[in-house]
C-alpha atoms as a PDB file:
ATOM      1  CA  MET A   1     -18.011 -93.252-100.098  1.00  0.00           C
ATOM      2  CA  GLU A   2     -20.507 -90.775-101.487  1.00  0.00           C
ATOM      3  CA  THR A   3     -23.593 -91.759-103.471  1.00  0.00           C
ATOM      4  CA  GLN A   4     -25.239 -89.503-106.029  1.00  0.00           C
ATOM      5  CA  SER A   5     -28.440 -90.027-107.976  1.00  0.00           C
ATOM      6  CA  VAL A   6     -28.716 -89.090-111.638  1.00  0.00           C
ATOM      7  CA  THR A   7     -31.513 -89.504-114.170  1.00  0.00           C
ATOM      8  CA  LEU A   8     -30.924 -91.788-117.115  1.00  0.00           C
ATOM      9  CA  THR A   9     -31.306 -88.842-119.477  1.00  0.00           C
ATOM     10  CA  GLU A  10     -28.594 -86.852-117.721  1.00  0.00           C
ATOM     11  CA  PHE A  11     -26.452 -89.975-117.454  1.00  0.00           C
ATOM     12  CA  LYS A  12     -26.681 -90.620-121.201  1.00  0.00           C
ATOM     13  CA  GLN A  13     -25.781 -87.029-122.021  1.00  0.00           C
ATOM     14  CA  ASN A  14     -22.648 -87.071-119.844  1.00  0.00           C
ATOM     15  CA  LEU A  15     -21.724 -90.756-119.861  1.00  0.00           C
ATOM     16  CA  GLY A  16     -17.944 -90.277-119.895  1.00  0.00           C
ATOM     17  CA  GLU A  17     -18.035 -87.801-117.030  1.00  0.00           C
ATOM     18  CA  TRP A  18     -20.184 -90.094-114.839  1.00  0.00           C
ATOM     19  CA  VAL A  19     -17.999 -93.115-115.578  1.00  0.00           C
ATOM     20  CA  ASN A  20     -14.891 -91.159-114.579  1.00  0.00           C
ATOM     21  CA  ARG A  21     -16.568 -89.934-111.385  1.00  0.00           C
ATOM     22  CA  ALA A  22     -17.398 -93.510-110.436  1.00  0.00           C
ATOM     23  CA  ALA A  23     -13.997 -94.862-111.430  1.00  0.00           C
ATOM     24  CA  TYR A  24     -11.745 -92.172-109.976  1.00  0.00           C
ATOM     25  CA  GLY A  25     -13.873 -89.963-107.765  1.00  0.00           C
ATOM     26  CA  ASN A  26     -14.970 -92.517-105.175  1.00  0.00           C
ATOM     27  CA  LEU A  27     -18.572 -91.907-106.173  1.00  0.00           C
ATOM     28  CA  ARG A  28     -21.375 -94.422-106.408  1.00  0.00           C
ATOM     29  CA  ILE A  29     -23.980 -93.368-108.914  1.00  0.00           C
ATOM     30  CA  GLU A  30     -27.618 -94.421-108.704  1.00  0.00           C
ATOM     31  CA  LEU A  31     -29.367 -94.391-112.062  1.00  0.00           C
ATOM     32  CA  VAL A  32     -32.926 -93.115-111.734  1.00  0.00           C
ATOM     33  CA  SER A  33     -35.703 -93.736-114.238  1.00  0.00           C
ATOM     34  CA  ARG A  34     -39.217 -92.386-113.696  1.00  0.00           C
ATOM     35  CA  GLY A  35     -38.418 -91.549-110.094  1.00  0.00           C
ATOM     36  CA  LYS A  36     -37.114 -94.997-109.162  1.00  0.00           C
ATOM     37  CA  VAL A  37     -33.529 -96.189-108.788  1.00  0.00           C
ATOM     38  CA  LYS A  38     -33.023 -98.849-111.464  1.00  0.00           C
ATOM     39  CA  ALA A  39     -29.302 -99.574-111.336  1.00  0.00           C
ATOM     40  CA  ALA A  40     -25.987 -98.291-110.034  1.00  0.00           C
ATOM     41  CA  LEU A  41     -22.579 -97.475-111.425  1.00  0.00           C
ATOM     42  CA  ILE A  42     -19.681 -98.289-109.118  1.00  0.00           C
ATOM     43  CA  SER A  43     -15.919 -98.363-109.404  1.00  0.00           C
ATOM     44  CA  LEU A  44     -14.016-101.518-110.256  1.00  0.00           C
ATOM     45  CA  GLU A  45     -12.576-101.411-106.718  1.00  0.00           C
ATOM     46  CA  ASP A  46     -16.110-101.477-105.264  1.00  0.00           C
ATOM     47  CA  LEU A  47     -17.021-104.358-107.542  1.00  0.00           C
ATOM     48  CA  ARG A  48     -13.981-106.380-106.402  1.00  0.00           C
ATOM     49  CA  ARG A  49     -14.884-105.760-102.734  1.00  0.00           C
ATOM     50  CA  LEU A  50     -18.445-106.860-103.424  1.00  0.00           C
ATOM     51  CA  GLU A  51     -17.236-110.018-105.155  1.00  0.00           C
ATOM     52  CA  ALA A  52     -14.882-110.814-102.257  1.00  0.00           C
ATOM     53  CA  LEU A  53     -17.722-110.385 -99.771  1.00  0.00           C
ATOM     54  CA  GLU A  54     -19.955-112.600-101.873  1.00  0.00           C
ATOM     55  CA  GLN A  55     -17.268-115.292-102.079  1.00  0.00           C
ATOM     56  CA  ALA A  56     -16.679-115.155 -98.310  1.00  0.00           C
ATOM     57  CA  TYR A  57     -20.418-115.409 -97.716  1.00  0.00           C
ATOM     58  CA  ASN A  58     -20.699-118.408-100.060  1.00  0.00           C
ATOM     59  CA  GLN A  59     -17.783-120.144 -98.338  1.00  0.00           C
ATOM     60  CA  ARG A  60     -19.401-119.514 -94.950  1.00  0.00           C
ATOM     61  CA  GLU A  61     -22.703-120.907 -96.210  1.00  0.00           C
ATOM     62  CA  LEU A  62     -20.932-124.014 -97.540  1.00  0.00           C
ATOM     63  CA  TYR A  63     -19.196-124.489 -94.183  1.00  0.00           C
ATOM     64  CA  VAL A  64     -22.510-124.169 -92.324  1.00  0.00           C
ATOM     65  CA  GLN A  65     -24.157-126.673 -94.693  1.00  0.00           C
ATOM     66  CA  GLN A  66     -21.300-129.140 -94.146  1.00  0.00           C
ATOM     67  CA  GLN A  67     -21.628-128.749 -90.380  1.00  0.00           C
ATOM     68  CA  HIS A  68     -25.382-129.344 -90.541  1.00  0.00           C
ATOM     69  CA  ALA A  69     -24.830-132.445 -92.687  1.00  0.00           C
ATOM     70  CA  ALA A  70     -22.251-133.797 -90.221  1.00  0.00           C
ATOM     71  CA  LEU A  71     -24.619-133.187 -87.287  1.00  0.00           C
ATOM     72  CA  GLU A  72     -27.450-134.905 -89.137  1.00  0.00           C
ATOM     73  CA  GLU A  73     -25.198-137.877 -89.903  1.00  0.00           C
ATOM     74  CA  MET A  74     -24.240-138.106 -86.224  1.00  0.00           C
ATOM     75  CA  ARG A  75     -27.910-137.935 -85.211  1.00  0.00           C
ATOM     76  CA  ILE A  76     -28.756-140.798 -87.576  1.00  0.00           C
ATOM     77  CA  LEU A  77     -25.839-142.893 -86.300  1.00  0.00           C
ATOM     78  CA  ARG A  78     -26.818-142.210 -82.694  1.00  0.00           C
ATOM     79  CA  GLU A  79     -30.394-143.333 -83.410  1.00  0.00           C
ATOM     80  CA  ARG A  80     -29.125-146.589 -84.941  1.00  0.00           C
ATOM     81  CA  MET A  81     -26.986-147.465 -81.919  1.00  0.00           C
ATOM     82  CA  PRO A  82     -28.560-149.941 -79.541  1.00  0.00           C
ATOM     83  CA  MET A  83     -29.495-148.232 -76.311  1.00  0.00           C
ATOM     84  CA  ALA A  84     -28.367-149.612 -72.992  1.00  0.00           C
ATOM     85  CA  ASP A  85     -30.988-150.042 -70.320  1.00  0.00           C
ATOM     86  CA  ALA A  86     -32.479-146.577 -69.904  1.00  0.00           C
ATOM     87  CA  GLU A  87     -32.273-146.850 -66.121  1.00  0.00           C
ATOM     88  CA  THR A  88     -28.578-147.733 -66.175  1.00  0.00           C
ATOM     89  CA  ASP A  89     -26.326-144.733 -65.948  1.00  0.00           C
ATOM     90  CA  SER A  90     -22.668-144.486 -66.959  1.00  0.00           C
ATOM     91  CA  VAL A  91     -21.399-144.762 -63.370  1.00  0.00           C
ATOM     92  CA  THR A  92     -23.130-148.119 -62.940  1.00  0.00           C
ATOM     93  CA  ILE A  93     -21.843-149.379 -66.302  1.00  0.00           C
ATOM     94  CA  LEU A  94     -18.267-148.364 -65.433  1.00  0.00           C
ATOM     95  CA  ALA A  95     -18.509-150.055 -62.040  1.00  0.00           C
ATOM     96  CA  GLU A  96     -19.700-153.288 -63.679  1.00  0.00           C
ATOM     97  CA  LEU A  97     -16.908-153.150 -66.267  1.00  0.00           C
ATOM     98  CA  ARG A  98     -14.299-152.576 -63.529  1.00  0.00           C
ATOM     99  CA  GLU A  99     -15.652-155.503 -61.533  1.00  0.00           C
ATOM    100  CA  GLU A 100     -15.538-157.783 -64.592  1.00  0.00           C
ATOM    101  CA  ARG A 101     -11.984-156.681 -65.382  1.00  0.00           C
ATOM    102  CA  THR A 102     -10.871-157.221 -61.799  1.00  0.00           C
ATOM    103  CA  ASP A 103     -12.410-160.701 -61.814  1.00  0.00           C
ATOM    104  CA  GLU A 104     -10.616-161.495 -65.100  1.00  0.00           C
ATOM    105  CA  LEU A 105      -7.269-160.340 -63.667  1.00  0.00           C
ATOM    106  CA  LEU A 106      -7.746-162.411 -60.519  1.00  0.00           C
ATOM    107  CA  GLY A 107      -8.720-165.427 -62.579  1.00  0.00           C
ATOM    108  CA  LEU A 108     -12.197-165.609 -61.188  1.00  0.00           C
ATOM    109  CA  ARG A 109     -13.768-165.664 -64.606  1.00  0.00           C
END
């Protein structure tokens, strides 16, 4: 896609021509005033693509925010859980649970 710069004066004088170039000529037009680009004229197709990109970006941002909220909720829940003895690891806990279960099955408890 080609981009062309045009002064506001020239743009005003040939408005219809510039609009048609943007709409049908695959041309993006930068509107220049006092040496600075102030705005742009793009085709409706370009505008729709831009809107679709913006919507996809917003959906992605919402998804990321939801994921961060879920992680924060999990962090808070994890902090509220009572901690087992810090020196006790999962292997030891499982061994104790197996021993208790075996004792229950054998009628020792």
